[in-house]
Protein backbone atom coordinates (compact mmCIF):
# COMPACT_ATOMS: atom_id res chain seq x y z
CA MET A 1 0.00 0.00 0.00
CA ASN A 2 0.93 3.66 -0.22
CA THR A 3 3.17 5.18 2.39
CA ILE A 4 2.44 8.82 3.14
CA ARG A 5 5.54 10.74 4.25
CA LEU A 6 5.11 13.93 6.24
CA THR A 7 7.51 16.51 7.57
CA PRO A 8 6.61 19.55 9.66
CA GLU A 9 5.66 22.70 7.79
CA LYS A 10 8.34 25.40 7.58
CA GLY A 11 6.20 27.50 9.90
CA GLN A 12 7.09 25.09 12.74
CA LYS A 13 10.74 26.14 12.58
CA SER A 14 9.65 29.79 12.35
CA MET A 15 7.41 29.31 15.39
CA TRP A 16 10.28 27.87 17.44
CA ILE A 17 12.60 30.70 16.37
CA PHE A 18 9.85 33.22 17.20
CA GLY A 19 9.64 31.74 20.71
CA TRP A 20 13.42 31.87 21.00
CA ILE A 21 13.44 35.57 19.99
CA ILE A 22 10.76 36.45 22.56
CA GLN A 23 12.68 34.67 25.34
CA PHE A 24 15.94 36.24 24.24
CA ILE A 25 14.52 39.78 24.28
CA LEU A 26 12.86 39.32 27.68
CA PHE A 27 15.99 37.90 29.32
CA VAL A 28 18.29 40.53 27.78
CA ALA A 29 16.00 43.29 29.05
CA LEU A 30 15.89 41.74 32.52
CA ASP A 31 19.66 41.23 32.54
CA LEU A 32 20.36 44.84 31.54
CA VAL A 33 18.13 46.11 34.32
CA LEU A 34 19.84 43.87 36.87
CA ILE A 35 23.34 44.87 35.73
CA PHE A 36 22.52 48.56 36.25
CA ILE A 37 20.78 47.97 39.59
CA LEU A 38 23.41 45.72 41.14
CA GLU A 39 26.76 46.98 42.32
CA TYR A 40 30.22 45.46 42.02
CA PRO A 41 30.95 42.47 42.49
CA ALA A 42 27.35 41.24 42.04
CA ASN A 43 27.11 42.76 38.57
CA LEU A 44 30.38 41.04 37.59
CA ILE A 45 29.02 37.66 38.66
CA LEU A 46 25.80 38.41 36.81
CA GLY A 47 27.83 39.32 33.72
CA ILE A 48 29.53 35.92 33.80
CA ILE A 49 26.15 34.19 34.17
CA ILE A 50 24.75 36.24 31.29
CA SER A 51 27.72 35.29 29.10
CA LEU A 52 27.11 31.60 29.77
CA TRP A 53 23.40 32.10 29.10
CA LEU A 54 24.18 33.80 25.75
CA VAL A 55 26.33 30.83 24.68
CA ILE A 56 23.51 28.43 25.57
CA MET A 57 20.95 30.55 23.71
CA LEU A 58 23.16 30.62 20.59
CA LEU A 59 23.56 26.83 20.76
CA ILE A 60 19.76 26.51 20.96
CA LEU A 61 19.45 28.75 17.91
CA VAL A 62 21.73 26.38 15.99
CA TRP A 63 19.91 23.31 17.37
CA ILE A 64 16.39 24.44 16.28
CA PRO A 65 16.93 23.95 12.50
CA ALA A 66 18.82 20.70 13.10
CA TYR A 67 15.97 19.30 15.21
CA TYR A 68 13.38 20.53 12.70
CA ASN A 69 15.24 18.71 9.89
CA SER A 70 15.31 15.49 11.94
CA LEU A 71 11.50 15.26 12.19
CA GLU A 72 9.88 12.82 9.79
CA TYR A 73 6.58 10.96 9.93
CA SER A 74 5.18 8.18 7.77
CA ILE A 75 1.70 6.74 7.61
CA ASN A 76 2.15 3.16 6.38
CA SER A 77 -0.31 0.40 5.55
CA ASP A 78 -0.08 -1.13 9.03
CA SER A 79 1.46 1.54 11.30
CA ILE A 80 2.51 5.14 11.88
CA THR A 81 6.19 5.92 12.31
CA GLY A 82 7.85 9.03 13.71
CA LYS A 83 11.57 9.83 13.62
CA LYS A 84 13.33 12.60 15.51
CA GLY A 85 16.58 13.53 17.17
CA VAL A 86 19.72 15.53 16.53
CA PHE A 87 22.21 13.70 18.75
CA TRP A 88 20.08 10.83 20.03
CA LYS A 89 17.91 9.47 17.24
CA LYS A 90 14.52 8.04 18.18
CA THR A 91 12.08 6.11 16.00
CA VAL A 92 8.59 5.30 17.26
CA THR A 93 6.33 2.90 15.36
CA ILE A 94 2.74 2.38 16.43
CA PRO A 95 0.71 -0.40 14.80
CA TYR A 96 -2.84 0.68 14.01
CA PHE A 97 -4.39 -1.97 16.24
CA LYS A 98 -2.75 -0.34 19.29
CA ILE A 99 -4.01 3.20 18.65
CA THR A 100 -6.81 4.16 21.03
CA ASN A 101 -7.04 7.93 20.51
CA ILE A 102 -6.08 10.47 17.89
CA ASP A 103 -6.19 13.99 19.29
CA ILE A 104 -5.38 17.40 17.87
CA THR A 105 -3.92 20.27 19.88
CA GLN A 106 -3.37 23.80 18.65
CA GLY A 107 -2.20 26.54 20.99
CA PRO A 108 -2.52 30.26 20.30
CA VAL A 109 0.96 30.61 18.77
CA GLN A 110 0.38 27.50 16.66
CA ARG A 111 -2.86 29.04 15.39
CA MET A 112 -0.90 32.17 14.39
CA PHE A 113 1.26 29.94 12.20
CA ASN A 114 -1.71 27.76 11.10
CA LEU A 115 -0.11 24.66 12.64
CA GLY A 116 -0.95 22.05 15.21
CA THR A 117 0.04 18.71 16.71
CA ILE A 118 -1.60 15.33 16.19
CA HIS A 119 -1.28 12.99 19.17
CA CYS A 120 -1.50 9.24 18.56
CA GLN A 121 -2.13 7.52 21.85
CA THR A 122 -2.05 3.85 22.75
CA ALA A 123 -3.74 2.10 25.64
CA GLY A 124 -0.39 1.58 27.39
CA ALA A 125 0.42 5.29 27.36
CA ALA A 126 -2.87 6.24 29.01
CA GLY A 127 -1.99 4.70 32.38
CA PRO A 128 0.03 6.33 35.15
CA GLN A 129 1.80 8.63 32.69
CA GLY A 130 -1.39 10.61 32.30
CA GLN A 131 -2.39 11.67 28.83
CA LYS A 132 1.03 11.40 27.25
CA ALA A 133 0.83 10.46 23.59
CA GLU A 134 3.03 7.70 22.26
CA LEU A 135 3.69 9.67 19.05
CA LYS A 136 3.23 13.36 18.30
CA LEU A 137 3.18 14.71 14.77
CA VAL A 138 4.18 18.36 15.23
CA GLY A 139 4.01 21.14 12.69
CA ILE A 140 1.06 19.79 10.71
CA SER A 141 -1.11 22.32 8.85
CA ASP A 142 -3.83 19.98 7.50
CA LEU A 143 -4.77 18.67 10.94
CA GLU A 144 -8.22 17.31 10.14
CA GLY A 145 -7.05 15.82 6.83
CA VAL A 146 -4.14 13.93 8.40
CA LYS A 147 -6.30 12.81 11.32
CA GLU A 148 -8.93 11.50 8.92
CA THR A 149 -6.26 9.74 6.83
CA ILE A 150 -5.02 7.95 9.95
CA ARG A 151 -8.58 6.99 10.92
CA GLU A 152 -9.22 5.60 7.45
CA LYS A 153 -6.00 3.59 7.59
CA ILE A 154 -7.03 2.21 11.00
CA LYS A 155 -10.49 1.26 9.68
CA GLY A 156 -8.96 -0.36 6.58
CA PHE A 157 -6.38 -2.23 8.64
CA VAL A 158 -8.99 -3.55 11.09
CA LYS A 159 -11.31 -4.53 8.22
CA ASN A 160 -8.52 -6.35 6.33
CA ARG A 161 -7.32 -8.06 9.50
CA ASP A 162 -10.82 -9.37 10.34
CA GLU A 163 -11.33 -10.84 6.87
């Protein structure tokens, strides 16, 4: 059968960078205020902390595109597969017969970018972990279409398995 390959929309990377910019501006503003308020040696210590924080923020800025490029999803004839990871690669495959819920979430910033997340949950993940999905498809723009495609694949798989 056909395998449908999906990757997050480009807006997902833009959304993450947008969040990074907001955090960066807020922390820089706070740091500048604290540097001017505090006196020596406290402002020197704060300067060292800020320098370390800037290095970490720049590393995150480099990591965002790498992580975005690592995301890949496929809707197969018998399962859904998700791949992710920059340093530690992770592949999750969920057979259709194990899927219990398919949910869609879309926060306010995701709506600004016309994106959302599809959560594929199994019965095992619904236990003590709470409502943690086994596989999340992030950065999807056609949420209802992809959700319906997965549902149709599940129905077709169950129908073919019962025959």
